[in-house]
C-alpha atoms as a PDB file:
ATOM      1  CA  MET A   1       0.050  -0.059   0.048  1.00  0.00           C
ATOM      2  CA  GLY A   2       1.287   3.632   0.442  1.00  0.00           C
ATOM      3  CA  GLU A   3       1.783   5.906   3.337  1.00  0.00           C
ATOM      4  CA  PHE A   4      -0.798   6.253   5.871  1.00  0.00           C
ATOM      5  CA  TRP A   5      -3.222   8.700   5.843  1.00  0.00           C
ATOM      6  CA  PRO A   6      -3.920  10.660   8.765  1.00  0.00           C
ATOM      7  CA  VAL A   7      -7.819  10.541  10.190  1.00  0.00           C
ATOM      8  CA  PRO A   8      -8.603  14.383  12.203  1.00  0.00           C
ATOM      9  CA  ASP A   9     -12.349  12.745  13.332  1.00  0.00           C
ATOM     10  CA  VAL A  10     -12.515   9.135  12.738  1.00  0.00           C
ATOM     11  CA  LEU A  11     -16.522   9.439  13.143  1.00  0.00           C
ATOM     12  CA  ALA A  12     -17.051  11.525  10.178  1.00  0.00           C
ATOM     13  CA  TYR A  13     -14.620   9.278   8.094  1.00  0.00           C
ATOM     14  CA  LEU A  14     -16.560   6.048   8.753  1.00  0.00           C
ATOM     15  CA  ALA A  15     -19.733   7.227   8.218  1.00  0.00           C
ATOM     16  CA  GLY A  16     -21.437   6.161   5.346  1.00  0.00           C
ATOM     17  CA  ARG A  17     -21.235   2.741   3.449  1.00  0.00           C
ATOM     18  CA  TRP A  18     -18.264   0.266   2.844  1.00  0.00           C
ATOM     19  CA  ARG A  19     -17.313  -2.914   0.565  1.00  0.00           C
ATOM     20  CA  THR A  20     -16.187  -5.312   3.425  1.00  0.00           C
ATOM     21  CA  GLU A  21     -13.899  -8.111   2.278  1.00  0.00           C
ATOM     22  CA  ARG A  22     -11.712 -10.191   4.791  1.00  0.00           C
ATOM     23  CA  SER A  23      -9.429 -12.975   4.841  1.00  0.00           C
ATOM     24  CA  VAL A  24      -9.312 -15.311   7.872  1.00  0.00           C
ATOM     25  CA  ARG A  25      -6.455 -17.712   8.349  1.00  0.00           C
ATOM     26  CA  ASP A  26      -5.721 -20.545  11.185  1.00  0.00           C
ATOM     27  CA  LEU A  27      -2.551 -20.565  11.648  1.00  0.00           C
ATOM     28  CA  ALA A  28      -2.468 -23.897  13.481  1.00  0.00           C
ATOM     29  CA  SER A  29      -4.653 -25.771  11.132  1.00  0.00           C
ATOM     30  CA  GLY A  30      -3.844 -24.229   7.873  1.00  0.00           C
ATOM     31  CA  ASP A  31      -7.878 -23.085   6.869  1.00  0.00           C
ATOM     32  CA  THR A  32      -8.706 -20.550   5.532  1.00  0.00           C
ATOM     33  CA  GLY A  33     -11.994 -18.472   5.499  1.00  0.00           C
ATOM     34  CA  ARG A  34     -13.407 -15.412   3.479  1.00  0.00           C
ATOM     35  CA  PHE A  35     -15.970 -13.045   4.400  1.00  0.00           C
ATOM     36  CA  GLU A  36     -17.608 -10.273   1.652  1.00  0.00           C
ATOM     37  CA  GLY A  37     -20.343  -7.991   2.360  1.00  0.00           C
ATOM     38  CA  THR A  38     -21.007  -4.525   3.179  1.00  0.00           C
ATOM     39  CA  THR A  39     -20.894  -2.403   6.393  1.00  0.00           C
ATOM     40  CA  VAL A  40     -22.749   0.705   7.291  1.00  0.00           C
ATOM     41  CA  PHE A  41     -22.096   3.339   9.650  1.00  0.00           C
ATOM     42  CA  GLU A  42     -24.817   4.959  10.634  1.00  0.00           C
ATOM     43  CA  THR A  43     -25.192   7.939  13.349  1.00  0.00           C
ATOM     44  CA  CYS A  44     -26.871   7.703  16.074  1.00  0.00           C
ATOM     45  CA  GLU A  45     -28.898   9.610  18.692  1.00  0.00           C
ATOM     46  CA  ASP A  46     -25.901   9.715  20.896  1.00  0.00           C
ATOM     47  CA  GLY A  47     -23.525  11.179  18.428  1.00  0.00           C
ATOM     48  CA  GLY A  48     -21.620   7.808  17.619  1.00  0.00           C
ATOM     49  CA  LEU A  49     -21.908   5.675  15.089  1.00  0.00           C
ATOM     50  CA  ARG A  50     -23.744   2.058  14.817  1.00  0.00           C
ATOM     51  CA  GLY A  51     -21.694   0.107  12.404  1.00  0.00           C
ATOM     52  CA  HIS A  52     -23.407  -2.863  10.959  1.00  0.00           C
ATOM     53  CA  GLU A  53     -21.741  -5.879   8.685  1.00  0.00           C
ATOM     54  CA  ARG A  54     -23.727  -8.109   6.344  1.00  0.00           C
ATOM     55  CA  GLY A  55     -22.541 -10.524   4.079  1.00  0.00           C
ATOM     56  CA  ALA A  56     -21.963 -14.086   3.331  1.00  0.00           C
ATOM     57  CA  PHE A  57     -18.837 -15.938   5.370  1.00  0.00           C
ATOM     58  CA  THR A  58     -16.856 -18.931   3.581  1.00  0.00           C
ATOM     59  CA  TRP A  59     -15.307 -21.663   5.555  1.00  0.00           C
ATOM     60  CA  ARG A  60     -14.140 -24.776   4.399  1.00  0.00           C
ATOM     61  CA  GLY A  61     -16.445 -24.378   1.231  1.00  0.00           C
ATOM     62  CA  VAL A  62     -19.440 -23.675   3.132  1.00  0.00           C
ATOM     63  CA  ALA A  63     -21.151 -20.432   2.703  1.00  0.00           C
ATOM     64  CA  ARG A  64     -23.250 -18.840   5.427  1.00  0.00           C
ATOM     65  CA  PRO A  65     -25.011 -15.339   6.179  1.00  0.00           C
ATOM     66  CA  ALA A  66     -22.680 -13.728   8.678  1.00  0.00           C
ATOM     67  CA  GLU A  67     -23.606 -10.036  10.493  1.00  0.00           C
ATOM     68  CA  ARG A  68     -22.168  -7.930  13.344  1.00  0.00           C
ATOM     69  CA  THR A  69     -22.724  -4.873  15.030  1.00  0.00           C
ATOM     70  CA  LEU A  70     -20.361  -2.384  16.482  1.00  0.00           C
ATOM     71  CA  ARG A  71     -21.188   1.150  18.446  1.00  0.00           C
ATOM     72  CA  TYR A  72     -18.541   4.059  17.900  1.00  0.00           C
ATOM     73  CA  GLU A  73     -18.619   6.333  20.742  1.00  0.00           C
ATOM     74  CA  PRO A  74     -17.052   9.517  20.665  1.00  0.00           C
ATOM     75  CA  GLY A  75     -13.677   9.069  22.475  1.00  0.00           C
ATOM     76  CA  GLY A  76     -11.497  10.781  25.045  1.00  0.00           C
ATOM     77  CA  THR A  77      -9.971  13.171  22.928  1.00  0.00           C
ATOM     78  CA  PRO A  78     -11.255  14.850  19.732  1.00  0.00           C
ATOM     79  CA  GLY A  79     -11.329  13.045  16.699  1.00  0.00           C
ATOM     80  CA  THR A  80     -11.092   9.572  18.650  1.00  0.00           C
ATOM     81  CA  VAL A  81     -13.799   6.992  19.412  1.00  0.00           C
ATOM     82  CA  ARG A  82     -14.261   3.900  21.614  1.00  0.00           C
ATOM     83  CA  VAL A  83     -15.851   0.512  19.812  1.00  0.00           C
ATOM     84  CA  ARG A  84     -17.901  -1.235  21.972  1.00  0.00           C
ATOM     85  CA  PHE A  85     -20.119  -4.398  21.052  1.00  0.00           C
ATOM     86  CA  ALA A  86     -23.728  -4.169  20.211  1.00  0.00           C
ATOM     87  CA  ASP A  87     -24.297  -5.308  24.322  1.00  0.00           C
ATOM     88  CA  GLY A  88     -22.391  -2.054  25.364  1.00  0.00           C
ATOM     89  CA  ARG A  89     -19.153  -4.239  26.474  1.00  0.00           C
ATOM     90  CA  PHE A  90     -15.655  -2.287  25.448  1.00  0.00           C
ATOM     91  CA  PHE A  91     -13.857  -3.732  22.880  1.00  0.00           C
ATOM     92  CA  HIS A  92     -11.129  -1.159  22.494  1.00  0.00           C
ATOM     93  CA  ASP A  93     -10.202   2.776  21.610  1.00  0.00           C
ATOM     94  CA  LEU A  94      -9.595   3.826  17.984  1.00  0.00           C
ATOM     95  CA  ASP A  95      -7.083   6.909  17.278  1.00  0.00           C
ATOM     96  CA  LEU A  96      -6.397   7.169  13.385  1.00  0.00           C
ATOM     97  CA  THR A  97      -4.823  10.850  13.692  1.00  0.00           C
ATOM     98  CA  SER A  98      -1.285   9.673  12.645  1.00  0.00           C
ATOM     99  CA  GLY A  99      -3.416   7.300   9.880  1.00  0.00           C
ATOM    100  CA  ARG A 100      -2.356   3.821  12.159  1.00  0.00           C
ATOM    101  CA  HIS A 101      -3.334   2.796  15.436  1.00  0.00           C
ATOM    102  CA  VAL A 102      -2.758  -0.872  17.414  1.00  0.00           C
ATOM    103  CA  ALA A 103      -5.194  -1.814  20.181  1.00  0.00           C
ATOM    104  CA  ASP A 104      -5.544  -5.111  22.354  1.00  0.00           C
ATOM    105  CA  HIS A 105      -8.534  -6.537  23.255  1.00  0.00           C
ATOM    106  CA  PRO A 106      -8.358  -9.824  25.954  1.00  0.00           C
ATOM    107  CA  CYS A 107     -10.648 -12.486  25.295  1.00  0.00           C
ATOM    108  CA  ALA A 108     -10.502 -14.820  28.409  1.00  0.00           C
ATOM    109  CA  ALA A 109      -7.581 -16.378  27.905  1.00  0.00           C
ATOM    110  CA  ASP A 110      -6.805 -15.427  23.994  1.00  0.00           C
ATOM    111  CA  LEU A 111      -5.094 -11.775  23.097  1.00  0.00           C
ATOM    112  CA  TYR A 112      -6.466  -9.977  20.035  1.00  0.00           C
ATOM    113  CA  ARG A 113      -4.292  -7.436  18.553  1.00  0.00           C
ATOM    114  CA  GLY A 114      -5.239  -5.551  16.149  1.00  0.00           C
ATOM    115  CA  GLU A 115      -3.631  -3.069  13.989  1.00  0.00           C
ATOM    116  CA  PHE A 116      -5.476  -0.319  11.912  1.00  0.00           C
ATOM    117  CA  THR A 117      -4.480   1.741   9.018  1.00  0.00           C
ATOM    118  CA  ALA A 118      -5.967   4.472   6.611  1.00  0.00           C
ATOM    119  CA  TRP A 119      -4.763   4.828   3.402  1.00  0.00           C
ATOM    120  CA  GLY A 120      -6.939   7.271   2.126  1.00  0.00           C
ATOM    121  CA  PRO A 121     -10.208   8.777   1.776  1.00  0.00           C
ATOM    122  CA  ASP A 122     -12.165   6.150   0.702  1.00  0.00           C
ATOM    123  CA  ARG A 123      -9.781   2.802   1.856  1.00  0.00           C
ATOM    124  CA  TRP A 124      -8.672   1.412   5.242  1.00  0.00           C
ATOM    125  CA  ARG A 125      -7.612  -1.878   6.933  1.00  0.00           C
ATOM    126  CA  THR A 126      -7.952  -3.694   9.701  1.00  0.00           C
ATOM    127  CA  VAL A 127      -5.254  -6.853  10.914  1.00  0.00           C
ATOM    128  CA  TRP A 128      -6.222  -8.427  13.946  1.00  0.00           C
ATOM    129  CA  CYS A 129      -3.610 -11.463  15.431  1.00  0.00           C
ATOM    130  CA  VAL A 130      -5.566 -13.704  17.799  1.00  0.00           C
ATOM    131  CA  GLY A 131      -3.316 -15.642  19.733  1.00  0.00           C
ATOM    132  CA  GLY A 132      -3.912 -18.014  22.953  1.00  0.00           C
ATOM    133  CA  PRO A 133      -4.956 -21.609  23.778  1.00  0.00           C
ATOM    134  CA  ALA A 134      -8.188 -21.278  22.031  1.00  0.00           C
ATOM    135  CA  LYS A 135      -7.160 -19.501  18.716  1.00  0.00           C
ATOM    136  CA  ASP A 136      -4.546 -18.657  16.380  1.00  0.00           C
ATOM    137  CA  LEU A 137      -5.594 -16.452  13.880  1.00  0.00           C
ATOM    138  CA  LEU A 138      -4.823 -13.950  11.066  1.00  0.00           C
ATOM    139  CA  LEU A 139      -8.489 -11.886   9.827  1.00  0.00           C
ATOM    140  CA  THR A 140      -7.532  -9.254   7.807  1.00  0.00           C
ATOM    141  CA  THR A 141     -10.159  -6.848   6.563  1.00  0.00           C
ATOM    142  CA  ASP A 142     -10.123  -4.267   3.348  1.00  0.00           C
ATOM    143  CA  TYR A 143     -12.705  -1.500   3.332  1.00  0.00           C
ATOM    144  CA  ALA A 144     -13.474   0.753   0.374  1.00  0.00           C
ATOM    145  CA  ARG A 145     -15.793   3.216   0.164  1.00  0.00           C
ATOM    146  CA  GLU A 146     -19.268   2.687  -1.930  1.00  0.00           C
ATOM    147  CA  GLY A 147     -20.889   5.538  -3.980  1.00  0.00           C
END
């Protein structure tokens, strides 16, 4: 890719509709999967965003419908966000003012380490490395703005 693209306001940047493509690799077994769909970030009454991802996830040759919702709230400093699961539990902070951010999320005995990079006004990526006794995964998601 190229240089990182600084994002002064994550909520304004994310708002809208994004084509979403994710590759999933189980590093222990070698199995791979793929998600293809869209993520729509819609404004909420609290000033944050609701990010709803919907599409199809293919694993071991079997495609199934898949979706998830995350909440994006204004963060502790201007232009940043706090990301929460749909049920309100904290997931991670996100600060793209430099165009890149790294976040950790402990989940039981596993650790999710996410790297977020903005490549321009219409492209960004997340890479989650998940390690621990239950999981050994690499999830790479590319987003491209639609419309």
